[in-house]
Structure formats: structure tokens, C-alpha cells
């Protein structure tokens, strides 16, 4: 069971497993591209409207 809804800061690199250090301000609907701060591998997150609503809701529920 997950501890709660996923937040932007919970995204991790598929190669090394480190946090991508994203904030809700860093993500938007569509493709979100960047590189991992630890291993420099490229990542691509595809976020749709429903995903974005869930991220925003999670940020309201559990503020940083």
C-alpha cells in the first residue's frame, strides 16, 4: 500500500533510482523532459490532465 498520493518530488530516475528533484512548478501537461541530477540520463514524463489534477491535489493534501 502506498503512503499517499504521488507528488512531483516523488518521481525517480529509472536508471539509478535517485529523485529527479522536481517541483509542481517544473511539471506541466504533456511531455516533461530533463536529465537526472545524479546520473545525467535523460528522462521523459508524459503527464495528462488527470495526472496533473492528482499531482495538484497531492500537493494540497501534503504540503512540502
C-alpha atoms as a PDB file:
ATOM      1  CA  UNK A   1       0.000   0.000   0.000  1.00  0.00           C
ATOM      2  CA  UNK A   2       1.301   3.455  -0.894  1.00  0.00           C
ATOM      3  CA  UNK A   3       1.740   6.016   1.894  1.00  0.00           C
ATOM      4  CA  UNK A   4      -0.317   8.583  -0.033  1.00  0.00           C
ATOM      5  CA  UNK A   5      -0.834  10.229  -3.399  1.00  0.00           C
ATOM      6  CA  UNK A   6       2.255  10.759  -5.540  1.00  0.00           C
ATOM      7  CA  UNK A   7       3.781  14.227  -5.588  1.00  0.00           C
ATOM      8  CA  UNK A   8       6.108  15.794  -8.151  1.00  0.00           C
ATOM      9  CA  UNK A   9       9.089  15.298  -5.847  1.00  0.00           C
ATOM     10  CA  UNK A  10       8.386  11.528  -5.750  1.00  0.00           C
ATOM     11  CA  UNK A  11       9.439  10.916  -9.386  1.00  0.00           C
ATOM     12  CA  UNK A  12      12.655   8.917  -9.594  1.00  0.00           C
ATOM     13  CA  UNK A  13      15.173   8.027 -12.284  1.00  0.00           C
ATOM     14  CA  UNK A  14      14.567   4.645 -13.905  1.00  0.00           C
ATOM     15  CA  UNK A  15      18.324   4.090 -14.292  1.00  0.00           C
ATOM     16  CA  UNK A  16      19.800   4.959 -10.908  1.00  0.00           C
ATOM     17  CA  UNK A  17      16.713   5.331  -8.692  1.00  0.00           C
ATOM     18  CA  UNK A  18      17.551   8.801  -7.382  1.00  0.00           C
ATOM     19  CA  UNK A  19      14.948  11.540  -7.004  1.00  0.00           C
ATOM     20  CA  UNK A  20      14.568  13.816 -10.031  1.00  0.00           C
ATOM     21  CA  UNK A  21      14.158  16.825  -7.693  1.00  0.00           C
ATOM     22  CA  UNK A  22      11.015  18.065  -9.479  1.00  0.00           C
ATOM     23  CA  UNK A  23       8.537  20.514  -8.012  1.00  0.00           C
ATOM     24  CA  UNK A  24       4.947  21.076  -9.052  1.00  0.00           C
ATOM     25  CA  UNK A  25       6.169  24.211 -10.867  1.00  0.00           C
ATOM     26  CA  UNK A  26       8.506  22.050 -13.006  1.00  0.00           C
ATOM     27  CA  UNK A  27       5.816  19.794 -14.475  1.00  0.00           C
ATOM     28  CA  UNK A  28       3.069  20.528 -16.987  1.00  0.00           C
ATOM     29  CA  UNK A  29       0.547  18.650 -19.111  1.00  0.00           C
ATOM     30  CA  UNK A  30       2.327  16.899 -21.974  1.00  0.00           C
ATOM     31  CA  UNK A  31       5.921  15.702 -22.187  1.00  0.00           C
ATOM     32  CA  UNK A  32       8.278  16.801 -19.449  1.00  0.00           C
ATOM     33  CA  UNK A  33      11.906  16.211 -20.380  1.00  0.00           C
ATOM     34  CA  UNK A  34      15.121  16.661 -18.472  1.00  0.00           C
ATOM     35  CA  UNK A  35      18.093  14.780 -17.146  1.00  0.00           C
ATOM     36  CA  UNK A  36      18.700  13.070 -13.838  1.00  0.00           C
ATOM     37  CA  UNK A  37      20.725  15.211 -11.408  1.00  0.00           C
ATOM     38  CA  UNK A  38      22.735  12.149 -10.290  1.00  0.00           C
ATOM     39  CA  UNK A  39      23.487  10.079 -13.406  1.00  0.00           C
ATOM     40  CA  UNK A  40      22.650  12.615 -16.156  1.00  0.00           C
ATOM     41  CA  UNK A  41      20.426  10.148 -18.028  1.00  0.00           C
ATOM     42  CA  UNK A  42      17.570  11.751 -19.942  1.00  0.00           C
ATOM     43  CA  UNK A  43      14.017  11.275 -18.726  1.00  0.00           C
ATOM     44  CA  UNK A  44      10.591  11.953 -20.223  1.00  0.00           C
ATOM     45  CA  UNK A  45       7.432  12.134 -18.134  1.00  0.00           C
ATOM     46  CA  UNK A  46       4.138  12.183 -20.001  1.00  0.00           C
ATOM     47  CA  UNK A  47       1.510  13.857 -17.842  1.00  0.00           C
ATOM     48  CA  UNK A  48      -2.119  14.118 -18.885  1.00  0.00           C
ATOM     49  CA  UNK A  49      -4.881  16.261 -17.392  1.00  0.00           C
ATOM     50  CA  UNK A  50      -5.910  13.609 -14.855  1.00  0.00           C
ATOM     51  CA  UNK A  51      -2.302  13.083 -13.724  1.00  0.00           C
ATOM     52  CA  UNK A  52      -1.856  16.822 -13.261  1.00  0.00           C
ATOM     53  CA  UNK A  53      -5.059  17.084 -11.217  1.00  0.00           C
ATOM     54  CA  UNK A  54      -3.839  14.264  -8.954  1.00  0.00           C
ATOM     55  CA  UNK A  55      -0.425  15.918  -8.524  1.00  0.00           C
ATOM     56  CA  UNK A  56      -2.036  19.241  -7.638  1.00  0.00           C
ATOM     57  CA  UNK A  57      -4.378  17.533  -5.193  1.00  0.00           C
ATOM     58  CA  UNK A  58      -1.470  15.688  -3.551  1.00  0.00           C
ATOM     59  CA  UNK A  59       0.443  18.948  -3.140  1.00  0.00           C
ATOM     60  CA  UNK A  60      -2.572  20.493  -1.374  1.00  0.00           C
ATOM     61  CA  UNK A  61      -3.005  17.479   0.907  1.00  0.00           C
ATOM     62  CA  UNK A  62       0.661  17.103   1.890  1.00  0.00           C
ATOM     63  CA  UNK A  63       2.483  20.439   1.539  1.00  0.00           C
ATOM     64  CA  UNK A  64       6.277  20.334   1.415  1.00  0.00           C
END
